[in-house]
Amino acid sequence: MSSTRLDRIAATIGADAVRATGDGRLVVTPTSTEAMAGVLGLAHDERWQVAIEGGGSWRVDAPPADLTLSTRGLDDRLGIEHTDETVTAPAGVSLDLLRHTLRDEHGWVALDPPGRTDRTIGSILATATAGPLRAGFGPVRDQVLALTIATGDGRVVRLARDEGSTTVTPAMRLHLGGFGGFGVITDATLRVRPLAEADLTWVALGSRDRLSAAARGLGEHRIAAAAAELISPALASEPDWLLAVRLMGSRDEVLAEGQRLSRVAHLHWHELPPERRVLLWNGSSRGISSVPVTFRLGVLPEGIDEAIDAVVSLLGEGMLSAGALAGSIRWSGHTTAEQLRAVRSHFAAREVPLTLERASWALRRTVGHFGAYREGIGGPIDRLRERHDPRHIFVTGITGEAAS
C-alpha cells in the first residue's frame, strides 16, 4: 500500500519530493504552496492520515500516519521578500536564516521562541511559542501580518489583517497556535523592526520571593523593558533564581532606563557583556530542548507567584521561566499524563489555560495541546476543524483523549 501511495504522490508533485524512510515512514517534502495543497487534496480524497512536521528540532517524536508532510522543502532563501517594514518568508525557512537575512538590511523580527534557532518559521507560528520578547513586543500573533494556508481538503487560503487593523483576524488567530490542526502554514508575512542602537541585559540573583517583589516594582514603575524574565536555577544554570531585564532602543533611552532600573528595584544588578547576554537568552531557550515536556500557562502578571507555587507543588521547579511584566509561565521537564491532567485541572478551575507545547506523541494524544478551552479561541474545536479539515486527515493531538 505504501508503494502505491508513493507512486501516486510522486505522480502528483514529482518523485524527488517523496521518499520512504528506514523506519517505514513515507515522508513528503513539497517545495511550493501549490504542491502542498495538491498532496493534501489527494490525501483528503483517499482519506490518508497525515502528520505535519517542520525542521524536526522541536518535536519529540513523530505520530503514526500514512504519510508525514514536511515543510522543509519550503526553505528557499530566494523566496524571502522584504521591505523596511515587512518580510514574507516560506514556512520552512529557519529563524536563524531569517535573522541573518534581515540583519544584513539592519532589520529584525521580534520572535525568540524556545528551542534551537534552526526552528522553522512555520513551527514557531503553528505552536505560537513566544519567548521573553513578548513583554516588549507582544505575542507571536502581533508579529504576523498575513498567512498562506493549505487546508486539509487541498484548498489554498490567503489570510491577512483587515486594512488599518492592529490585530489579526479570527481566521488568522485560529492557525497561530493551532498546532497544524486546521491547515499547513506555507508562508507568512511578518513585521520587521529596525535594529536597536543599544541592546543591554541586566541580571540579579536571589530568592524567588525577593526577585518577584522586585519584578512587581518594574511593572508598577512602567520600566520599558523588551524582556523581563524570572528564571529558575536549572534553566539559568545558576545557584539561585535569576531576574533578567533586557533593554532595547536608542543608546540614551537604554542608559536612562538602566539607571531607573537600579533605583526602582533595589537588587545587586550587573550588566552582562555581549557574549554572556547571548548565552543567557539563547542558552535558556535551547536548554528546554533537552527535556521531553514543555507547557505554558496563560497567567496574568499579578498571578505569577501563586501560579509558580502551584506548579512547583505539583511538578517541582524543573526548567521554569515567568514573564515578570507580560505574564505567562513556561515549564519544561519530565512528567506523566496523570500529573499534567492534575496541573491542567488545577488551573482550569482558575480560568488559566494550559497549552502543551512539546511532548511525546503518546502524551500529546492522551492529554492534548488544549484543555477545555484554548488561548484566544472560542467555540468547540471539532466544529472549527470540520471547516478546514472535513475528513480529519491531520494527525494532531489538539484536544487529546481527556477532552474528547
Protein backbone atom coordinates (compact mmCIF):
# COMPACT_ATOMS: atom_id res chain seq x y z
CA MET A 1 0.00 0.00 0.00
CA SER A 2 2.81 2.44 0.90
CA SER A 3 4.44 1.92 -2.52
CA THR A 4 1.09 2.71 -4.15
CA ARG A 5 0.87 5.90 -2.10
CA LEU A 6 4.45 6.75 -3.01
CA ASP A 7 3.74 6.34 -6.71
CA ARG A 8 0.56 8.41 -6.57
CA ILE A 9 2.24 11.22 -4.65
CA ALA A 10 5.24 11.13 -6.99
CA ALA A 11 2.86 11.47 -9.93
CA THR A 12 1.29 14.49 -8.25
CA ILE A 13 4.34 16.54 -7.20
CA GLY A 14 7.40 14.67 -8.52
CA ALA A 15 9.49 11.71 -7.39
CA ASP A 16 12.14 13.92 -5.78
CA ALA A 17 9.63 15.17 -3.22
CA VAL A 18 8.70 11.81 -1.68
CA ARG A 19 10.72 9.07 -0.03
CA ALA A 20 10.32 6.06 2.21
CA THR A 21 12.44 6.14 5.37
CA GLY A 22 14.21 3.27 7.08
CA ASP A 23 11.63 3.23 9.86
CA GLY A 24 8.80 2.70 7.38
CA ARG A 25 7.53 6.28 7.22
CA LEU A 26 6.56 7.92 3.95
CA VAL A 27 7.91 11.49 4.02
CA VAL A 28 6.64 14.05 1.52
CA THR A 29 8.50 17.34 1.07
CA PRO A 30 6.63 19.73 -1.25
CA THR A 31 8.56 22.76 -2.48
CA SER A 32 5.63 25.11 -3.09
CA THR A 33 2.24 26.03 -1.65
CA GLU A 34 0.54 24.54 -4.70
CA ALA A 35 2.37 21.23 -4.29
CA MET A 36 1.48 21.17 -0.58
CA ALA A 37 -2.18 21.71 -1.41
CA GLY A 38 -2.02 19.05 -4.13
CA VAL A 39 -0.78 16.41 -1.69
CA LEU A 40 -3.40 17.39 0.88
CA GLY A 41 -6.14 17.23 -1.74
CA LEU A 42 -5.02 13.72 -2.67
CA ALA A 43 -4.86 12.69 0.99
CA HIS A 44 -8.35 14.11 1.51
CA ASP A 45 -9.74 12.13 -1.43
CA GLU A 46 -8.03 8.92 -0.29
CA ARG A 47 -8.65 9.50 3.44
CA TRP A 48 -4.96 9.16 4.23
CA GLN A 49 -3.83 10.19 7.70
CA VAL A 50 -1.24 12.99 7.54
CA ALA A 51 1.30 14.10 10.16
CA ILE A 52 2.89 17.53 9.73
CA GLU A 53 6.47 18.35 10.65
CA GLY A 54 8.78 21.32 10.26
CA GLY A 55 12.53 21.08 10.66
CA GLY A 56 12.22 18.34 13.28
CA SER A 57 14.22 20.12 16.00
CA TRP A 58 11.22 20.98 18.22
CA ARG A 59 9.19 17.77 18.13
CA VAL A 60 9.99 14.82 20.38
CA ASP A 61 8.80 12.08 18.03
CA ALA A 62 6.54 11.55 15.02
CA PRO A 63 2.94 10.33 15.33
CA PRO A 64 1.87 7.27 13.34
CA ALA A 65 0.34 8.28 9.99
CA ASP A 66 0.00 7.16 6.38
CA LEU A 67 2.44 9.91 5.43
CA THR A 68 4.47 12.67 7.03
CA LEU A 69 4.17 16.03 5.30
CA SER A 70 7.27 18.15 5.86
CA THR A 71 7.67 21.89 5.29
CA ARG A 72 11.44 21.52 4.90
CA GLY A 73 11.09 21.95 1.14
CA LEU A 74 9.66 25.43 1.70
CA ASP A 75 13.07 26.79 2.64
CA ASP A 76 14.30 28.71 -0.40
CA ARG A 77 16.22 31.79 0.73
CA LEU A 78 15.33 33.39 -2.60
CA GLY A 79 11.70 33.12 -1.50
CA ILE A 80 12.31 35.66 1.29
CA GLU A 81 10.90 39.01 0.19
CA HIS A 82 11.34 42.01 2.45
CA THR A 83 10.93 45.75 2.71
CA ASP A 84 11.90 48.09 5.53
CA GLU A 85 8.69 47.18 7.38
CA THR A 86 7.70 43.63 6.34
CA VAL A 87 9.16 40.30 5.31
CA THR A 88 7.42 37.39 3.62
CA ALA A 89 9.14 34.06 4.20
CA PRO A 90 8.36 30.44 3.26
CA ALA A 91 7.36 28.36 6.28
CA GLY A 92 10.37 26.05 6.02
CA VAL A 93 12.90 28.87 6.43
CA SER A 94 14.69 28.71 9.78
CA LEU A 95 14.55 31.58 12.24
CA ASP A 96 18.34 31.72 12.14
CA LEU A 97 18.38 32.20 8.35
CA LEU A 98 15.67 34.84 8.54
CA ARG A 99 17.57 36.72 11.24
CA HIS A 100 20.78 36.75 9.21
CA THR A 101 18.96 37.86 6.07
CA LEU A 102 17.29 40.77 7.83
CA ARG A 103 20.39 41.73 9.81
CA ASP A 104 22.18 42.43 6.54
CA GLU A 105 19.46 45.02 5.93
CA HIS A 106 19.56 46.34 9.54
CA GLY A 107 16.21 44.81 10.46
CA TRP A 108 14.85 42.06 12.71
CA VAL A 109 11.64 40.30 13.75
CA ALA A 110 10.55 40.11 17.40
CA LEU A 111 10.45 36.31 17.60
CA ASP A 112 12.55 34.50 20.22
CA PRO A 113 10.83 31.12 20.72
CA PRO A 114 12.06 28.31 22.96
CA GLY A 115 14.17 25.68 21.27
CA ARG A 116 17.02 25.86 18.80
CA THR A 117 17.50 28.73 16.37
CA ASP A 118 17.05 26.35 13.43
CA ARG A 119 13.35 26.04 14.23
CA THR A 120 11.27 26.88 11.17
CA ILE A 121 9.01 29.91 10.87
CA GLY A 122 6.07 27.56 10.30
CA SER A 123 6.77 25.68 13.53
CA ILE A 124 7.02 28.89 15.57
CA LEU A 125 3.74 30.25 14.21
CA ALA A 126 1.82 26.96 14.35
CA THR A 127 2.74 26.49 18.01
CA ALA A 128 2.61 30.23 18.87
CA THR A 129 5.66 29.74 21.08
CA ALA A 130 6.63 33.24 22.18
CA GLY A 131 9.74 33.96 24.20
CA PRO A 132 10.77 36.70 26.65
CA LEU A 133 10.43 39.44 23.99
CA ARG A 134 6.67 39.07 24.42
CA ALA A 135 6.99 41.64 27.22
CA GLY A 136 8.10 44.44 24.92
CA PHE A 137 6.68 43.46 21.55
CA GLY A 138 3.64 41.30 22.22
CA PRO A 139 2.84 37.64 21.48
CA VAL A 140 3.55 35.82 18.23
CA ARG A 141 0.31 36.97 16.59
CA ASP A 142 1.36 40.62 16.98
CA GLN A 143 4.28 39.97 14.63
CA VAL A 144 2.14 38.42 11.87
CA LEU A 145 0.54 40.45 9.08
CA ALA A 146 -0.55 37.70 6.67
CA LEU A 147 -0.54 33.91 6.22
CA THR A 148 -0.92 31.42 3.40
CA ILE A 149 -2.61 28.17 4.42
CA ALA A 150 -3.06 24.82 2.68
CA THR A 151 -6.19 23.24 4.15
CA GLY A 152 -6.99 19.62 4.87
CA ASP A 153 -9.10 19.35 1.71
CA GLY A 154 -6.46 20.82 -0.59
CA ARG A 155 -7.50 24.47 -0.80
CA VAL A 156 -5.09 27.41 -0.67
CA VAL A 157 -6.28 30.25 1.55
CA ARG A 158 -4.60 33.64 1.89
CA LEU A 159 -5.33 35.40 5.18
CA ALA A 160 -4.39 38.98 6.04
CA ARG A 161 -5.23 41.61 8.61
CA ASP A 162 -8.08 43.92 7.79
CA GLU A 163 -6.87 47.21 6.34
CA GLY A 164 -5.75 49.53 9.11
CA SER A 165 -6.22 46.88 11.80
CA THR A 166 -3.71 46.43 14.59
CA THR A 167 -4.77 42.84 15.29
CA VAL A 168 -5.01 39.60 13.34
CA THR A 169 -8.36 38.32 12.13
CA PRO A 170 -10.14 35.43 13.90
CA ALA A 171 -9.23 33.16 10.97
CA MET A 172 -5.54 34.01 11.34
CA ARG A 173 -5.70 33.52 15.10
CA LEU A 174 -7.05 30.01 14.53
CA HIS A 175 -3.84 28.95 12.76
CA LEU A 176 -1.45 30.81 15.07
CA GLY A 177 -1.20 28.27 17.85
CA GLY A 178 -3.42 25.72 16.10
CA PHE A 179 -0.61 23.10 16.06
CA GLY A 180 -1.41 22.20 12.46
CA GLY A 181 -4.91 21.02 13.25
CA PHE A 182 -6.59 23.43 10.84
CA GLY A 183 -4.13 23.52 7.94
CA VAL A 184 -0.48 23.87 7.00
CA ILE A 185 1.11 27.33 7.12
CA THR A 186 3.14 27.61 3.90
CA ASP A 187 4.34 31.21 4.17
CA ALA A 188 3.94 34.23 6.42
CA THR A 189 4.34 37.97 6.23
CA LEU A 190 5.89 39.36 9.41
CA ARG A 191 6.52 42.79 10.87
CA VAL A 192 10.14 43.98 10.51
CA ARG A 193 11.64 46.38 13.04
CA PRO A 194 14.84 48.43 12.73
CA LEU A 195 17.80 47.06 14.66
CA ALA A 196 18.13 48.70 18.05
CA GLU A 197 21.07 51.05 18.54
CA ALA A 198 21.60 49.59 22.02
CA ASP A 199 20.70 46.18 23.45
CA LEU A 200 21.69 45.60 27.08
CA THR A 201 20.76 42.95 29.65
CA TRP A 202 20.86 43.45 33.41
CA VAL A 203 20.60 40.49 35.79
CA ALA A 204 20.23 39.89 39.51
CA LEU A 205 20.38 36.69 41.55
CA GLY A 206 18.41 35.96 44.69
CA SER A 207 15.50 34.17 46.27
CA ARG A 208 12.36 33.86 44.17
CA ASP A 209 10.29 35.88 46.63
CA ARG A 210 12.74 38.78 46.59
CA LEU A 211 13.07 38.79 42.80
CA SER A 212 9.29 38.51 42.34
CA ALA A 213 8.78 41.55 44.56
CA ALA A 214 11.36 43.46 42.52
CA ALA A 215 9.65 42.39 39.29
CA ARG A 216 6.35 43.78 40.54
CA GLY A 217 8.12 47.07 41.11
CA LEU A 218 9.26 47.12 37.50
CA GLY A 219 5.66 46.87 36.38
CA GLU A 220 4.40 49.48 38.80
CA HIS A 221 7.03 51.97 37.61
CA ARG A 222 6.50 51.05 33.94
CA ILE A 223 10.10 50.15 33.19
CA ALA A 224 10.27 50.00 29.37
CA ALA A 225 11.82 46.54 29.10
CA ALA A 226 11.96 44.47 25.93
CA ALA A 227 12.05 41.41 28.19
CA ALA A 228 11.85 40.81 31.94
CA GLU A 229 12.11 37.17 32.87
CA LEU A 230 12.20 35.30 36.17
CA ILE A 231 14.24 32.13 35.55
CA SER A 232 14.67 29.05 37.75
CA PRO A 233 18.17 27.87 38.75
CA ALA A 234 18.04 24.80 36.50
CA LEU A 235 17.17 26.85 33.43
CA ALA A 236 19.55 29.72 34.19
CA SER A 237 22.41 27.36 35.17
CA GLU A 238 22.85 29.42 38.33
CA PRO A 239 22.81 28.53 42.05
CA ASP A 240 19.73 30.71 42.67
CA TRP A 241 16.79 32.26 40.84
CA LEU A 242 17.66 34.92 38.27
CA LEU A 243 15.79 38.04 37.16
CA ALA A 244 16.91 39.20 33.71
CA VAL A 245 15.84 42.53 32.19
CA ARG A 246 16.60 43.32 28.55
CA LEU A 247 16.56 46.96 27.43
CA MET A 248 16.50 47.87 23.72
CA GLY A 249 16.31 51.20 21.89
CA SER A 250 18.45 54.26 21.35
CA ARG A 251 21.61 54.48 23.43
CA ASP A 252 20.28 57.37 25.50
CA GLU A 253 16.95 55.63 26.15
CA VAL A 254 18.60 52.39 27.23
CA LEU A 255 21.09 54.11 29.54
CA ALA A 256 18.35 56.20 31.14
CA GLU A 257 16.13 53.15 31.66
CA GLY A 258 19.06 51.23 33.14
CA GLN A 259 19.53 53.97 35.73
CA ARG A 260 15.82 53.89 36.56
CA LEU A 261 16.03 50.11 36.91
CA SER A 262 18.63 50.33 39.67
CA ARG A 263 16.57 52.95 41.53
CA VAL A 264 13.26 51.10 41.27
CA ALA A 265 14.41 47.56 42.03
CA HIS A 266 16.87 47.51 44.91
CA LEU A 267 18.88 44.46 43.88
CA HIS A 268 22.52 43.75 43.16
CA TRP A 269 22.30 44.30 39.39
CA HIS A 270 25.10 43.74 36.94
CA GLU A 271 25.20 44.23 33.19
CA LEU A 272 26.08 41.19 31.11
CA PRO A 273 28.81 41.53 28.48
CA PRO A 274 27.57 40.80 24.93
CA GLU A 275 28.75 37.19 24.81
CA ARG A 276 27.11 36.33 28.13
CA ARG A 277 23.92 38.15 27.10
CA VAL A 278 23.63 35.95 24.02
CA LEU A 279 24.43 32.86 26.09
CA LEU A 280 21.70 33.70 28.61
CA TRP A 281 18.85 34.31 26.18
CA ASN A 282 19.79 31.69 23.57
CA GLY A 283 21.11 29.16 26.07
CA SER A 284 17.98 29.17 28.21
CA SER A 285 15.88 28.71 25.07
CA ARG A 286 17.97 25.79 23.82
CA GLY A 287 18.06 24.17 27.25
CA ILE A 288 14.35 23.45 27.03
CA SER A 289 15.00 21.04 24.16
CA SER A 290 16.99 18.77 26.47
CA VAL A 291 13.85 17.57 28.28
CA PRO A 292 10.75 15.95 26.74
CA VAL A 293 7.85 18.09 28.00
CA THR A 294 7.13 21.82 27.78
CA PHE A 295 3.90 23.64 28.53
CA ARG A 296 2.84 27.24 29.00
CA LEU A 297 0.29 28.81 31.31
CA GLY A 298 -1.61 31.94 30.28
CA VAL A 299 -1.39 33.53 33.70
CA LEU A 300 -1.54 37.30 34.29
CA PRO A 301 1.45 39.09 35.88
CA GLU A 302 -0.32 39.57 39.22
CA GLY A 303 -0.95 35.83 39.45
CA ILE A 304 2.57 34.64 38.73
CA ASP A 305 3.69 33.98 42.32
CA GLU A 306 0.66 31.87 43.16
CA ALA A 307 0.90 30.02 39.85
CA ILE A 308 4.58 29.21 40.32
CA ASP A 309 3.84 27.90 43.81
CA ALA A 310 1.18 25.59 42.36
CA VAL A 311 3.41 24.32 39.55
CA VAL A 312 6.32 23.66 41.91
CA SER A 313 4.00 21.88 44.34
CA LEU A 314 2.56 19.64 41.61
CA LEU A 315 5.62 19.04 39.41
CA GLY A 316 8.72 20.53 41.02
CA GLU A 317 10.71 23.54 39.79
CA GLY A 318 12.01 21.97 36.60
CA MET A 319 13.16 24.43 33.97
CA LEU A 320 10.75 27.27 34.68
CA SER A 321 10.56 30.83 33.40
CA ALA A 322 7.95 33.50 34.01
CA GLY A 323 7.28 36.77 32.22
CA ALA A 324 7.63 39.30 35.02
CA LEU A 325 5.86 42.07 33.07
CA ALA A 326 3.74 40.30 30.46
CA GLY A 327 2.70 37.26 32.46
CA SER A 328 2.78 33.66 31.16
CA ILE A 329 4.77 30.80 32.66
CA ARG A 330 6.68 28.13 30.78
CA TRP A 331 7.67 24.86 32.48
CA SER A 332 9.88 22.14 31.00
CA GLY A 333 10.89 18.81 32.48
CA HIS A 334 9.81 15.20 32.95
CA THR A 335 6.21 14.40 33.86
CA THR A 336 3.35 11.98 33.23
CA ALA A 337 -0.09 12.28 31.69
CA GLU A 338 -1.70 11.92 35.11
CA GLN A 339 0.40 14.76 36.55
CA LEU A 340 -0.29 17.00 33.55
CA ARG A 341 -4.02 16.42 33.88
CA ALA A 342 -3.81 17.40 37.53
CA VAL A 343 -2.00 20.63 36.66
CA ARG A 344 -4.47 21.45 33.88
CA SER A 345 -7.43 20.76 36.16
CA HIS A 346 -5.98 22.97 38.89
CA PHE A 347 -5.55 25.93 36.55
CA ALA A 348 -8.76 25.39 34.59
CA ALA A 349 -10.65 25.98 37.84
CA ARG A 350 -8.92 29.37 37.92
CA GLU A 351 -9.62 30.08 34.23
CA VAL A 352 -5.94 29.84 33.32
CA PRO A 353 -5.30 27.93 30.06
CA LEU A 354 -2.53 25.34 29.90
CA THR A 355 -1.12 24.70 26.43
CA LEU A 356 1.07 21.64 25.94
CA GLU A 357 3.77 22.94 23.59
CA ARG A 358 6.07 19.95 23.31
CA ALA A 359 5.82 16.29 24.34
CA SER A 360 5.95 12.75 23.02
CA TRP A 361 3.13 11.70 20.72
CA ALA A 362 1.78 9.35 23.40
CA LEU A 363 1.50 12.25 25.84
CA ARG A 364 0.06 14.69 23.29
CA ARG A 365 -2.50 12.14 22.18
CA THR A 366 -3.57 11.42 25.74
CA VAL A 367 -3.58 14.92 27.22
CA GLY A 368 -3.95 17.17 24.17
CA HIS A 369 -2.39 20.52 23.37
CA PHE A 370 -5.51 22.31 24.64
CA GLY A 371 -7.81 21.65 27.54
CA ALA A 372 -11.43 22.68 27.89
CA TYR A 373 -10.57 25.89 26.04
CA ARG A 374 -7.55 27.33 24.31
CA GLU A 375 -5.94 30.76 24.39
CA GLY A 376 -7.77 33.24 22.19
CA ILE A 377 -10.24 30.84 20.58
CA GLY A 378 -13.87 30.25 21.46
CA GLY A 379 -16.22 27.55 20.22
CA PRO A 380 -15.80 23.80 20.02
CA ILE A 381 -12.54 22.74 18.40
CA ASP A 382 -14.15 19.89 16.46
CA ARG A 383 -16.59 22.25 14.78
CA LEU A 384 -13.74 24.51 13.72
CA ARG A 385 -11.80 21.56 12.36
CA GLU A 386 -14.75 20.46 10.24
CA ARG A 387 -14.43 23.65 8.19
CA HIS A 388 -10.73 23.27 7.49
CA ASP A 389 -10.15 19.51 7.62
CA PRO A 390 -13.56 17.92 6.94
CA ARG A 391 -12.26 14.35 6.85
CA HIS A 392 -9.89 14.83 9.81
CA ILE A 393 -6.83 13.73 7.85
CA PHE A 394 -4.44 15.68 10.09
CA VAL A 395 -2.99 13.58 12.89
CA THR A 396 -2.79 16.09 15.72
CA GLY A 397 -3.16 15.91 19.47
CA ILE A 398 -5.19 19.09 19.74
CA THR A 399 -7.67 18.03 22.39
CA GLY A 400 -6.39 14.60 23.39
CA GLU A 401 -8.34 11.68 24.78
CA ALA A 402 -9.05 13.52 28.02
CA ALA A 403 -11.06 16.19 26.22
CA SER A 404 -12.79 14.03 23.65
